[in-house]
Amino acid sequence: MVISLKIKMNLYPTEEKENLVNLFNFFFPFEIITTSEPDSSGVSEMSAEITGGDALNFIYTQVRRQRTVEAFRHFILPRIIFNTNSCKFLIHKQALSMGKVVLCKTQHESPLGPVYLEFKANKIEDVIEYLFPPTEKGRVLEIDFSPEDLD
């Protein structure tokens, strides 16, 4: 099963491009980050994509470190799109700059725009179960497979 993660965020005229590159690097040390031409208001879009189990490492580690697995699970499960084998969600850009993963329900919750994440996999539900397994009394009930099993 192939796993991919696409990350997008807007680069506003008041932001330094290097700061946003650092945000991408939380997920993976990308060699190629695409930046669109600025629109009429000076806003560009930056995006990058990774395939393979490494696409899951940062989110997996952070939600456990932050002890937010159950919150993510409840937020993400309804956002699985089975006909495209994908899951899309937003995280707070400023929180990410501090190394934290904080969910956004709308793009307006992050003043400089959110970070758009889209996971795709042949069996997206397995990826989501791996990233955000059920919990019991605050303990994560880890699933019996690893990203290598998902690739």
C-alpha atoms as a PDB file:
ATOM      1  CA  MET A   1       0.000   0.000   0.000  1.00  0.00           C
ATOM      2  CA  VAL A   2       1.420   3.383  -0.965  1.00  0.00           C
ATOM      3  CA  ILE A   3       1.069   6.200   1.540  1.00  0.00           C
ATOM      4  CA  SER A   4       1.429   9.834   0.614  1.00  0.00           C
ATOM      5  CA  LEU A   5       1.219  13.090   2.489  1.00  0.00           C
ATOM      6  CA  LYS A   6       0.663  16.375   0.712  1.00  0.00           C
ATOM      7  CA  ILE A   7       1.308  19.558   2.670  1.00  0.00           C
ATOM      8  CA  LYS A   8       0.233  23.022   1.544  1.00  0.00           C
ATOM      9  CA  MET A   9       0.336  26.433   3.171  1.00  0.00           C
ATOM     10  CA  ASN A  10       0.081  30.016   2.062  1.00  0.00           C
ATOM     11  CA  LEU A  11       3.105  32.281   2.145  1.00  0.00           C
ATOM     12  CA  TYR A  12       1.968  35.817   2.936  1.00  0.00           C
ATOM     13  CA  PRO A  13       4.023  38.922   2.071  1.00  0.00           C
ATOM     14  CA  THR A  14       4.682  39.488   5.796  1.00  0.00           C
ATOM     15  CA  GLU A  15       6.205  36.014   6.245  1.00  0.00           C
ATOM     16  CA  GLU A  16       9.730  34.811   5.585  1.00  0.00           C
ATOM     17  CA  LYS A  17       9.878  31.923   3.147  1.00  0.00           C
ATOM     18  CA  GLU A  18      12.616  30.252   5.205  1.00  0.00           C
ATOM     19  CA  ASN A  19      10.290  30.102   8.228  1.00  0.00           C
ATOM     20  CA  LEU A  20       7.741  28.156   6.219  1.00  0.00           C
ATOM     21  CA  VAL A  21      10.438  25.839   4.855  1.00  0.00           C
ATOM     22  CA  ASN A  22      11.228  25.063   8.501  1.00  0.00           C
ATOM     23  CA  LEU A  23       7.569  24.120   9.057  1.00  0.00           C
ATOM     24  CA  PHE A  24       7.743  21.660   6.154  1.00  0.00           C
ATOM     25  CA  ASN A  25      10.906  20.204   7.666  1.00  0.00           C
ATOM     26  CA  PHE A  26       9.046  19.215  10.831  1.00  0.00           C
ATOM     27  CA  PHE A  27       7.336  16.593   8.670  1.00  0.00           C
ATOM     28  CA  PHE A  28      10.292  15.597   6.530  1.00  0.00           C
ATOM     29  CA  PRO A  29      13.493  17.210   5.193  1.00  0.00           C
ATOM     30  CA  PHE A  30      12.013  17.940   1.771  1.00  0.00           C
ATOM     31  CA  GLU A  31      14.423  18.562  -1.079  1.00  0.00           C
ATOM     32  CA  ILE A  32      11.704  20.053  -3.268  1.00  0.00           C
ATOM     33  CA  ILE A  33       9.111  22.514  -1.996  1.00  0.00           C
ATOM     34  CA  THR A  34       7.101  24.114  -4.759  1.00  0.00           C
ATOM     35  CA  THR A  35       6.166  27.792  -4.497  1.00  0.00           C
ATOM     36  CA  SER A  36       3.554  29.312  -6.792  1.00  0.00           C
ATOM     37  CA  GLU A  37       3.748  32.778  -8.255  1.00  0.00           C
ATOM     38  CA  PRO A  38       2.187  35.364  -5.916  1.00  0.00           C
ATOM     39  CA  ASP A  39      -1.409  36.314  -6.608  1.00  0.00           C
ATOM     40  CA  SER A  40      -2.567  39.936  -6.876  1.00  0.00           C
ATOM     41  CA  SER A  41      -2.385  40.341  -3.092  1.00  0.00           C
ATOM     42  CA  GLY A  42       1.145  38.908  -2.921  1.00  0.00           C
ATOM     43  CA  VAL A  43       0.163  35.516  -1.485  1.00  0.00           C
ATOM     44  CA  SER A  44       1.963  32.412  -2.780  1.00  0.00           C
ATOM     45  CA  GLU A  45       1.202  28.776  -2.110  1.00  0.00           C
ATOM     46  CA  MET A  46       3.944  26.434  -0.961  1.00  0.00           C
ATOM     47  CA  SER A  47       3.497  22.673  -1.238  1.00  0.00           C
ATOM     48  CA  ALA A  48       5.419  19.442  -0.932  1.00  0.00           C
ATOM     49  CA  GLU A  49       4.622  15.748  -1.046  1.00  0.00           C
ATOM     50  CA  ILE A  50       6.202  12.653   0.432  1.00  0.00           C
ATOM     51  CA  THR A  51       5.408   9.000  -0.128  1.00  0.00           C
ATOM     52  CA  GLY A  52       6.143   6.063   2.132  1.00  0.00           C
ATOM     53  CA  GLY A  53       6.025   5.391   5.842  1.00  0.00           C
ATOM     54  CA  ASP A  54       8.158   8.447   6.635  1.00  0.00           C
ATOM     55  CA  ALA A  55       5.088  10.543   5.810  1.00  0.00           C
ATOM     56  CA  LEU A  56       3.556   9.412   9.104  1.00  0.00           C
ATOM     57  CA  ASN A  57       6.459   9.868  11.534  1.00  0.00           C
ATOM     58  CA  PHE A  58       5.959  13.465  12.682  1.00  0.00           C
ATOM     59  CA  ILE A  59       2.192  13.264  13.268  1.00  0.00           C
ATOM     60  CA  TYR A  60       2.530   9.845  14.922  1.00  0.00           C
ATOM     61  CA  THR A  61       5.184  11.077  17.335  1.00  0.00           C
ATOM     62  CA  GLN A  62       3.604  14.446  18.124  1.00  0.00           C
ATOM     63  CA  VAL A  63       0.082  13.267  18.941  1.00  0.00           C
ATOM     64  CA  ARG A  64       1.547  10.760  21.388  1.00  0.00           C
ATOM     65  CA  ARG A  65       3.949  13.287  22.888  1.00  0.00           C
ATOM     66  CA  GLN A  66       1.125  15.811  23.248  1.00  0.00           C
ATOM     67  CA  ARG A  67      -1.240  13.086  24.531  1.00  0.00           C
ATOM     68  CA  THR A  68      -3.894  14.060  21.972  1.00  0.00           C
ATOM     69  CA  VAL A  69      -4.412  10.729  20.184  1.00  0.00           C
ATOM     70  CA  GLU A  70      -8.070  10.390  21.199  1.00  0.00           C
ATOM     71  CA  ALA A  71      -8.908  13.999  20.309  1.00  0.00           C
ATOM     72  CA  PHE A  72      -7.330  13.545  16.877  1.00  0.00           C
ATOM     73  CA  ARG A  73      -9.140  10.242  16.390  1.00  0.00           C
ATOM     74  CA  HIS A  74     -12.560  11.806  17.024  1.00  0.00           C
ATOM     75  CA  PHE A  75     -11.731  14.770  14.790  1.00  0.00           C
ATOM     76  CA  ILE A  76     -10.189  12.794  11.902  1.00  0.00           C
ATOM     77  CA  LEU A  77     -12.469   9.738  11.565  1.00  0.00           C
ATOM     78  CA  PRO A  78     -15.407  11.712  10.099  1.00  0.00           C
ATOM     79  CA  ARG A  79     -13.000  13.355   7.624  1.00  0.00           C
ATOM     80  CA  ILE A  80     -11.969  10.125   5.893  1.00  0.00           C
ATOM     81  CA  ILE A  81     -13.010  10.258   2.241  1.00  0.00           C
ATOM     82  CA  PHE A  82     -13.376   6.616   1.258  1.00  0.00           C
ATOM     83  CA  ASN A  83     -14.063   7.133  -2.463  1.00  0.00           C
ATOM     84  CA  THR A  84     -10.676   8.892  -2.859  1.00  0.00           C
ATOM     85  CA  ASN A  85      -8.851   6.909  -0.131  1.00  0.00           C
ATOM     86  CA  SER A  86      -7.823  10.146   1.542  1.00  0.00           C
ATOM     87  CA  CYS A  87      -8.164  12.232   4.651  1.00  0.00           C
ATOM     88  CA  LYS A  88      -7.827  16.012   4.689  1.00  0.00           C
ATOM     89  CA  PHE A  89      -7.490  18.256   7.699  1.00  0.00           C
ATOM     90  CA  LEU A  90      -6.032  21.570   8.838  1.00  0.00           C
ATOM     91  CA  ILE A  91      -3.499  22.340  11.527  1.00  0.00           C
ATOM     92  CA  HIS A  92      -2.604  25.656  13.115  1.00  0.00           C
ATOM     93  CA  LYS A  93       0.424  27.232  11.425  1.00  0.00           C
ATOM     94  CA  GLN A  94       1.618  29.254  14.430  1.00  0.00           C
ATOM     95  CA  ALA A  95       1.357  26.238  16.757  1.00  0.00           C
ATOM     96  CA  LEU A  96       3.341  24.198  14.246  1.00  0.00           C
ATOM     97  CA  SER A  97       6.076  26.827  14.357  1.00  0.00           C
ATOM     98  CA  MET A  98       6.468  25.820  18.024  1.00  0.00           C
ATOM     99  CA  GLY A  99       6.548  22.113  17.089  1.00  0.00           C
ATOM    100  CA  LYS A 100       2.955  21.487  18.210  1.00  0.00           C
ATOM    101  CA  VAL A 101       0.213  19.917  16.149  1.00  0.00           C
ATOM    102  CA  VAL A 102      -3.095  21.678  16.836  1.00  0.00           C
ATOM    103  CA  LEU A 103      -6.177  20.976  14.752  1.00  0.00           C
ATOM    104  CA  CYS A 104      -8.248  23.711  13.089  1.00  0.00           C
ATOM    105  CA  LYS A 105     -11.900  23.252  12.198  1.00  0.00           C
ATOM    106  CA  THR A 106     -11.784  26.207   9.807  1.00  0.00           C
ATOM    107  CA  GLN A 107      -9.044  28.080   7.982  1.00  0.00           C
ATOM    108  CA  HIS A 108      -9.857  31.217   9.996  1.00  0.00           C
ATOM    109  CA  GLU A 109      -8.685  29.674  13.278  1.00  0.00           C
ATOM    110  CA  SER A 110      -5.071  30.216  12.233  1.00  0.00           C
ATOM    111  CA  PRO A 111      -4.465  33.956  11.660  1.00  0.00           C
ATOM    112  CA  LEU A 112      -1.849  33.446   8.913  1.00  0.00           C
ATOM    113  CA  GLY A 113      -3.791  30.577   7.423  1.00  0.00           C
ATOM    114  CA  PRO A 114      -3.624  26.905   8.322  1.00  0.00           C
ATOM    115  CA  VAL A 115      -1.391  24.130   7.111  1.00  0.00           C
ATOM    116  CA  TYR A 116      -3.382  21.850   4.792  1.00  0.00           C
ATOM    117  CA  LEU A 117      -2.614  18.140   5.167  1.00  0.00           C
ATOM    118  CA  GLU A 118      -3.872  15.345   2.952  1.00  0.00           C
ATOM    119  CA  PHE A 119      -3.019  11.717   3.569  1.00  0.00           C
ATOM    120  CA  LYS A 120      -3.719   9.192   0.810  1.00  0.00           C
ATOM    121  CA  ALA A 121      -3.392   5.423   0.927  1.00  0.00           C
ATOM    122  CA  ASN A 122      -5.014   2.392  -0.651  1.00  0.00           C
ATOM    123  CA  LYS A 123      -6.443   1.593   2.768  1.00  0.00           C
ATOM    124  CA  ILE A 124      -6.730   5.006   4.359  1.00  0.00           C
ATOM    125  CA  GLU A 125      -8.596   3.589   7.336  1.00  0.00           C
ATOM    126  CA  ASP A 126      -5.499   1.502   8.241  1.00  0.00           C
ATOM    127  CA  VAL A 127      -3.333   4.624   8.141  1.00  0.00           C
ATOM    128  CA  ILE A 128      -5.743   6.501  10.384  1.00  0.00           C
ATOM    129  CA  GLU A 129      -5.973   3.533  12.776  1.00  0.00           C
ATOM    130  CA  TYR A 130      -2.163   3.474  12.963  1.00  0.00           C
ATOM    131  CA  LEU A 131      -1.848   7.228  13.550  1.00  0.00           C
ATOM    132  CA  PHE A 132      -4.819   7.634  15.879  1.00  0.00           C
ATOM    133  CA  PRO A 133      -5.728   4.306  17.484  1.00  0.00           C
ATOM    134  CA  PRO A 134      -8.392   3.975  20.157  1.00  0.00           C
ATOM    135  CA  THR A 135      -7.501   4.743  23.748  1.00  0.00           C
ATOM    136  CA  GLU A 136      -8.698   3.277  27.001  1.00  0.00           C
ATOM    137  CA  LYS A 137      -8.489   5.237  30.243  1.00  0.00           C
ATOM    138  CA  GLY A 138      -5.960   7.570  28.634  1.00  0.00           C
ATOM    139  CA  ARG A 139      -3.702   4.773  27.338  1.00  0.00           C
ATOM    140  CA  VAL A 140      -3.154   4.388  23.617  1.00  0.00           C
ATOM    141  CA  LEU A 141      -4.093   0.920  22.355  1.00  0.00           C
ATOM    142  CA  GLU A 142      -1.380   0.575  19.728  1.00  0.00           C
ATOM    143  CA  ILE A 143      -2.170  -1.280  16.529  1.00  0.00           C
ATOM    144  CA  ASP A 144      -0.212  -4.411  15.523  1.00  0.00           C
ATOM    145  CA  PHE A 145       1.427  -2.991  12.403  1.00  0.00           C
ATOM    146  CA  SER A 146       3.964  -0.361  11.452  1.00  0.00           C
ATOM    147  CA  PRO A 147       4.396   2.082   8.545  1.00  0.00           C
ATOM    148  CA  GLU A 148       6.434  -0.570   6.736  1.00  0.00           C
ATOM    149  CA  ASP A 149       3.347  -2.798   6.763  1.00  0.00           C
ATOM    150  CA  LEU A 150       1.370   0.072   5.230  1.00  0.00           C
ATOM    151  CA  ASP A 151       3.824   0.693   2.355  1.00  0.00           C
END
